[in-house]
Amino acid sequence: MKHIVKIITLLMVIATVWVGLLQTSTIPRSHTWLLPIYCVVSLGCYGLLMVGVGLMQFPTCPQEALLLQQDIIEAKGYLKQKGIDVSVS
């Protein structure tokens, strides 16, 4: 619940600043109307950047890969005992 309150507060602050800019005409009106679009595009770029950074820093887990291979071998043995053919052709 606390997280949603932070998000709503941030959105209200952004909306207040935007309306304030529209009212005071500090920035040309044509640019002010485009600010929400700039914010959405910037947020999208930030999201893509974070996904890219996360993929570049994705850890490899060689021990987990070995455990997974052992589990696969164990499962194939179990299925073979039950009479199910799982061989790759």
N, C-alpha and C. Protein backbone atom coordinates (compact mmCIF):
# COMPACT_ATOMS: atom_id res chain seq x y z
N MET A 1 0.82 -1.19 0.00
CA MET A 1 0.00 0.00 0.00
C MET A 1 0.87 1.26 0.00
N LYS A 2 1.99 1.19 0.66
CA LYS A 2 2.86 2.37 0.73
C LYS A 2 3.41 2.72 -0.65
N HIS A 3 3.68 1.69 -1.46
CA HIS A 3 4.25 1.93 -2.78
C HIS A 3 3.25 2.67 -3.68
N ILE A 4 1.99 2.29 -3.61
CA ILE A 4 0.98 2.94 -4.44
C ILE A 4 0.79 4.39 -4.03
N VAL A 5 0.93 4.68 -2.74
CA VAL A 5 0.81 6.06 -2.26
C VAL A 5 1.97 6.89 -2.82
N LYS A 6 3.16 6.33 -2.87
CA LYS A 6 4.31 7.04 -3.43
C LYS A 6 4.09 7.34 -4.91
N ILE A 7 3.57 6.35 -5.64
CA ILE A 7 3.34 6.53 -7.08
C ILE A 7 2.28 7.60 -7.32
N ILE A 8 1.19 7.54 -6.57
CA ILE A 8 0.12 8.53 -6.75
C ILE A 8 0.62 9.92 -6.38
N THR A 9 1.41 10.02 -5.32
CA THR A 9 1.97 11.32 -4.94
C THR A 9 2.87 11.86 -6.03
N LEU A 10 3.73 11.01 -6.58
CA LEU A 10 4.62 11.44 -7.66
C LEU A 10 3.82 11.89 -8.88
N LEU A 11 2.79 11.16 -9.24
CA LEU A 11 1.96 11.55 -10.39
C LEU A 11 1.26 12.87 -10.14
N MET A 12 0.81 13.10 -8.92
CA MET A 12 0.14 14.37 -8.61
C MET A 12 1.13 15.53 -8.67
N VAL A 13 2.35 15.32 -8.19
CA VAL A 13 3.37 16.37 -8.26
C VAL A 13 3.69 16.70 -9.71
N ILE A 14 3.85 15.66 -10.54
CA ILE A 14 4.14 15.88 -11.96
C ILE A 14 2.99 16.62 -12.63
N ALA A 15 1.74 16.22 -12.33
CA ALA A 15 0.58 16.89 -12.92
C ALA A 15 0.50 18.34 -12.46
N THR A 16 0.82 18.60 -11.20
CA THR A 16 0.78 19.97 -10.68
C THR A 16 1.83 20.84 -11.36
N VAL A 17 3.03 20.30 -11.53
CA VAL A 17 4.09 21.05 -12.22
C VAL A 17 3.68 21.33 -13.66
N TRP A 18 3.09 20.33 -14.31
CA TRP A 18 2.69 20.50 -15.70
C TRP A 18 1.60 21.57 -15.84
N VAL A 19 0.60 21.51 -14.97
CA VAL A 19 -0.47 22.53 -15.02
C VAL A 19 0.10 23.90 -14.69
N GLY A 20 1.02 23.94 -13.74
CA GLY A 20 1.68 25.21 -13.40
C GLY A 20 2.44 25.79 -14.58
N LEU A 21 3.11 24.93 -15.33
CA LEU A 21 3.83 25.41 -16.52
C LEU A 21 2.85 25.90 -17.59
N LEU A 22 1.71 25.23 -17.69
CA LEU A 22 0.70 25.67 -18.65
C LEU A 22 0.14 27.05 -18.26
N GLN A 23 -0.05 27.26 -16.98
CA GLN A 23 -0.66 28.51 -16.51
C GLN A 23 0.30 29.69 -16.56
N THR A 24 1.58 29.46 -16.20
CA THR A 24 2.51 30.58 -16.10
C THR A 24 3.18 30.93 -17.42
N SER A 25 3.12 30.07 -18.37
CA SER A 25 3.74 30.29 -19.70
C SER A 25 5.24 30.55 -19.62
N THR A 26 5.92 29.88 -18.69
CA THR A 26 7.39 30.01 -18.64
C THR A 26 8.02 29.30 -19.83
N ILE A 27 7.41 28.21 -20.22
CA ILE A 27 7.85 27.47 -21.40
C ILE A 27 6.79 27.71 -22.47
N PRO A 28 7.18 27.84 -23.73
CA PRO A 28 6.17 28.03 -24.78
C PRO A 28 5.08 26.95 -24.73
N ARG A 29 3.86 27.39 -24.96
CA ARG A 29 2.70 26.49 -24.82
C ARG A 29 2.80 25.26 -25.72
N SER A 30 3.37 25.41 -26.89
CA SER A 30 3.49 24.25 -27.80
C SER A 30 4.41 23.19 -27.20
N HIS A 31 5.45 23.62 -26.46
CA HIS A 31 6.35 22.66 -25.82
C HIS A 31 5.72 22.06 -24.58
N THR A 32 4.95 22.86 -23.87
CA THR A 32 4.34 22.40 -22.62
C THR A 32 3.35 21.27 -22.86
N TRP A 33 2.60 21.34 -23.95
CA TRP A 33 1.64 20.29 -24.25
C TRP A 33 2.32 18.97 -24.57
N LEU A 34 3.56 19.03 -25.01
CA LEU A 34 4.28 17.80 -25.37
C LEU A 34 5.02 17.17 -24.19
N LEU A 35 5.08 17.84 -23.05
CA LEU A 35 5.81 17.32 -21.89
C LEU A 35 5.34 15.92 -21.46
N PRO A 36 4.03 15.63 -21.40
CA PRO A 36 3.64 14.26 -21.02
C PRO A 36 4.16 13.20 -21.99
N ILE A 37 4.18 13.55 -23.28
CA ILE A 37 4.71 12.60 -24.27
C ILE A 37 6.20 12.40 -24.05
N TYR A 38 6.92 13.48 -23.79
CA TYR A 38 8.36 13.36 -23.50
C TYR A 38 8.59 12.50 -22.27
N CYS A 39 7.77 12.67 -21.26
CA CYS A 39 7.91 11.89 -20.04
C CYS A 39 7.68 10.40 -20.30
N VAL A 40 6.66 10.08 -21.08
CA VAL A 40 6.36 8.68 -21.39
C VAL A 40 7.49 8.06 -22.21
N VAL A 41 7.99 8.79 -23.20
CA VAL A 41 9.10 8.28 -24.02
C VAL A 41 10.35 8.11 -23.17
N SER A 42 10.62 9.07 -22.30
CA SER A 42 11.79 8.96 -21.42
C SER A 42 11.65 7.76 -20.49
N LEU A 43 10.46 7.54 -19.95
CA LEU A 43 10.23 6.40 -19.08
C LEU A 43 10.43 5.09 -19.83
N GLY A 44 9.97 5.03 -21.07
CA GLY A 44 10.18 3.84 -21.90
C GLY A 44 11.65 3.58 -22.18
N CYS A 45 12.38 4.64 -22.48
CA CYS A 45 13.83 4.49 -22.72
C CYS A 45 14.54 4.03 -21.46
N TYR A 46 14.15 4.58 -20.32
CA TYR A 46 14.74 4.17 -19.05
C TYR A 46 14.45 2.69 -18.78
N GLY A 47 13.22 2.27 -19.05
CA GLY A 47 12.86 0.86 -18.85
C GLY A 47 13.67 -0.07 -19.73
N LEU A 48 13.83 0.30 -21.00
CA LEU A 48 14.64 -0.50 -21.91
C LEU A 48 16.09 -0.55 -21.46
N LEU A 49 16.61 0.57 -20.98
CA LEU A 49 17.97 0.62 -20.48
C LEU A 49 18.14 -0.32 -19.28
N MET A 50 17.18 -0.30 -18.37
CA MET A 50 17.27 -1.16 -17.19
C MET A 50 17.18 -2.64 -17.56
N VAL A 51 16.35 -2.98 -18.55
CA VAL A 51 16.28 -4.37 -19.01
C VAL A 51 17.61 -4.77 -19.64
N GLY A 52 18.19 -3.90 -20.45
CA GLY A 52 19.48 -4.19 -21.07
C GLY A 52 20.59 -4.37 -20.05
N VAL A 53 20.63 -3.49 -19.07
CA VAL A 53 21.65 -3.61 -18.02
C VAL A 53 21.44 -4.90 -17.23
N GLY A 54 20.19 -5.23 -16.95
CA GLY A 54 19.89 -6.47 -16.23
C GLY A 54 20.32 -7.70 -17.01
N LEU A 55 20.12 -7.68 -18.33
CA LEU A 55 20.55 -8.80 -19.16
C LEU A 55 22.06 -8.91 -19.24
N MET A 56 22.75 -7.77 -19.28
CA MET A 56 24.21 -7.80 -19.34
C MET A 56 24.80 -8.32 -18.04
N GLN A 57 24.14 -8.07 -16.93
CA GLN A 57 24.66 -8.48 -15.63
C GLN A 57 24.03 -9.78 -15.13
N PHE A 58 23.30 -10.47 -16.00
CA PHE A 58 22.63 -11.70 -15.60
C PHE A 58 23.68 -12.73 -15.19
N PRO A 59 23.56 -13.26 -13.98
CA PRO A 59 24.58 -14.19 -13.50
C PRO A 59 24.44 -15.57 -14.13
N THR A 60 25.58 -16.21 -14.36
CA THR A 60 25.55 -17.60 -14.81
C THR A 60 25.74 -18.47 -13.57
N CYS A 61 25.10 -19.57 -13.54
CA CYS A 61 25.11 -20.44 -12.36
C CYS A 61 25.54 -21.85 -12.78
N PRO A 62 26.84 -22.10 -12.90
CA PRO A 62 27.28 -23.42 -13.36
C PRO A 62 26.87 -24.55 -12.40
N GLN A 63 26.84 -24.28 -11.11
CA GLN A 63 26.45 -25.32 -10.15
C GLN A 63 24.98 -25.68 -10.33
N GLU A 64 24.15 -24.67 -10.56
CA GLU A 64 22.73 -24.93 -10.78
C GLU A 64 22.51 -25.69 -12.08
N ALA A 65 23.34 -25.41 -13.10
CA ALA A 65 23.22 -26.13 -14.37
C ALA A 65 23.54 -27.61 -14.17
N LEU A 66 24.54 -27.91 -13.36
CA LEU A 66 24.87 -29.31 -13.07
C LEU A 66 23.74 -30.00 -12.31
N LEU A 67 23.17 -29.30 -11.33
CA LEU A 67 22.04 -29.87 -10.59
C LEU A 67 20.85 -30.13 -11.51
N LEU A 68 20.61 -29.22 -12.44
CA LEU A 68 19.51 -29.39 -13.39
C LEU A 68 19.76 -30.60 -14.28
N GLN A 69 21.00 -30.78 -14.75
CA GLN A 69 21.33 -31.95 -15.58
C GLN A 69 21.12 -33.24 -14.79
N GLN A 70 21.51 -33.24 -13.52
CA GLN A 70 21.30 -34.43 -12.67
C GLN A 70 19.81 -34.71 -12.49
N ASP A 71 19.02 -33.67 -12.31
CA ASP A 71 17.57 -33.85 -12.18
C ASP A 71 16.97 -34.43 -13.47
N ILE A 72 17.47 -33.98 -14.60
CA ILE A 72 16.97 -34.48 -15.89
C ILE A 72 17.30 -35.96 -16.03
N ILE A 73 18.52 -36.34 -15.68
CA ILE A 73 18.92 -37.74 -15.76
C ILE A 73 18.07 -38.60 -14.82
N GLU A 74 17.84 -38.08 -13.62
CA GLU A 74 17.01 -38.80 -12.65
C GLU A 74 15.58 -38.95 -13.16
N ALA A 75 15.02 -37.90 -13.76
CA ALA A 75 13.66 -37.96 -14.28
C ALA A 75 13.56 -38.94 -15.44
N LYS A 76 14.59 -38.97 -16.31
CA LYS A 76 14.57 -39.91 -17.43
C LYS A 76 14.62 -41.34 -16.92
N GLY A 77 15.43 -41.58 -15.89
CA GLY A 77 15.50 -42.93 -15.31
C GLY A 77 14.16 -43.33 -14.71
N TYR A 78 13.51 -42.42 -14.02
CA TYR A 78 12.21 -42.70 -13.41
C TYR A 78 11.17 -43.02 -14.48
N LEU A 79 11.17 -42.21 -15.54
CA LEU A 79 10.19 -42.45 -16.61
C LEU A 79 10.49 -43.74 -17.36
N LYS A 80 11.77 -44.08 -17.48
CA LYS A 80 12.14 -45.33 -18.16
C LYS A 80 11.65 -46.53 -17.35
N GLN A 81 11.70 -46.44 -16.01
CA GLN A 81 11.20 -47.50 -15.16
C GLN A 81 9.70 -47.68 -15.33
N LYS A 82 9.02 -46.59 -15.59
CA LYS A 82 7.57 -46.63 -15.77
C LYS A 82 7.17 -47.06 -17.19
N GLY A 83 8.17 -47.25 -18.05
CA GLY A 83 7.89 -47.72 -19.40
C GLY A 83 7.63 -46.60 -20.41
N ILE A 84 8.04 -45.39 -20.08
CA ILE A 84 7.85 -44.25 -20.98
C ILE A 84 9.18 -43.96 -21.68
N ASP A 85 9.13 -43.95 -23.01
CA ASP A 85 10.35 -43.68 -23.79
C ASP A 85 10.54 -42.18 -23.93
N VAL A 86 11.67 -41.67 -23.42
CA VAL A 86 11.97 -40.25 -23.51
C VAL A 86 13.24 -39.98 -24.30
N SER A 87 13.67 -40.96 -25.08
CA SER A 87 14.89 -40.77 -25.86
C SER A 87 14.64 -39.81 -27.01
N VAL A 88 15.68 -39.04 -27.31
CA VAL A 88 15.59 -38.06 -28.39
C VAL A 88 15.95 -38.78 -29.69
N SER A 89 15.09 -38.67 -30.70
CA SER A 89 15.38 -39.35 -31.95
C SER A 89 15.98 -38.43 -32.96
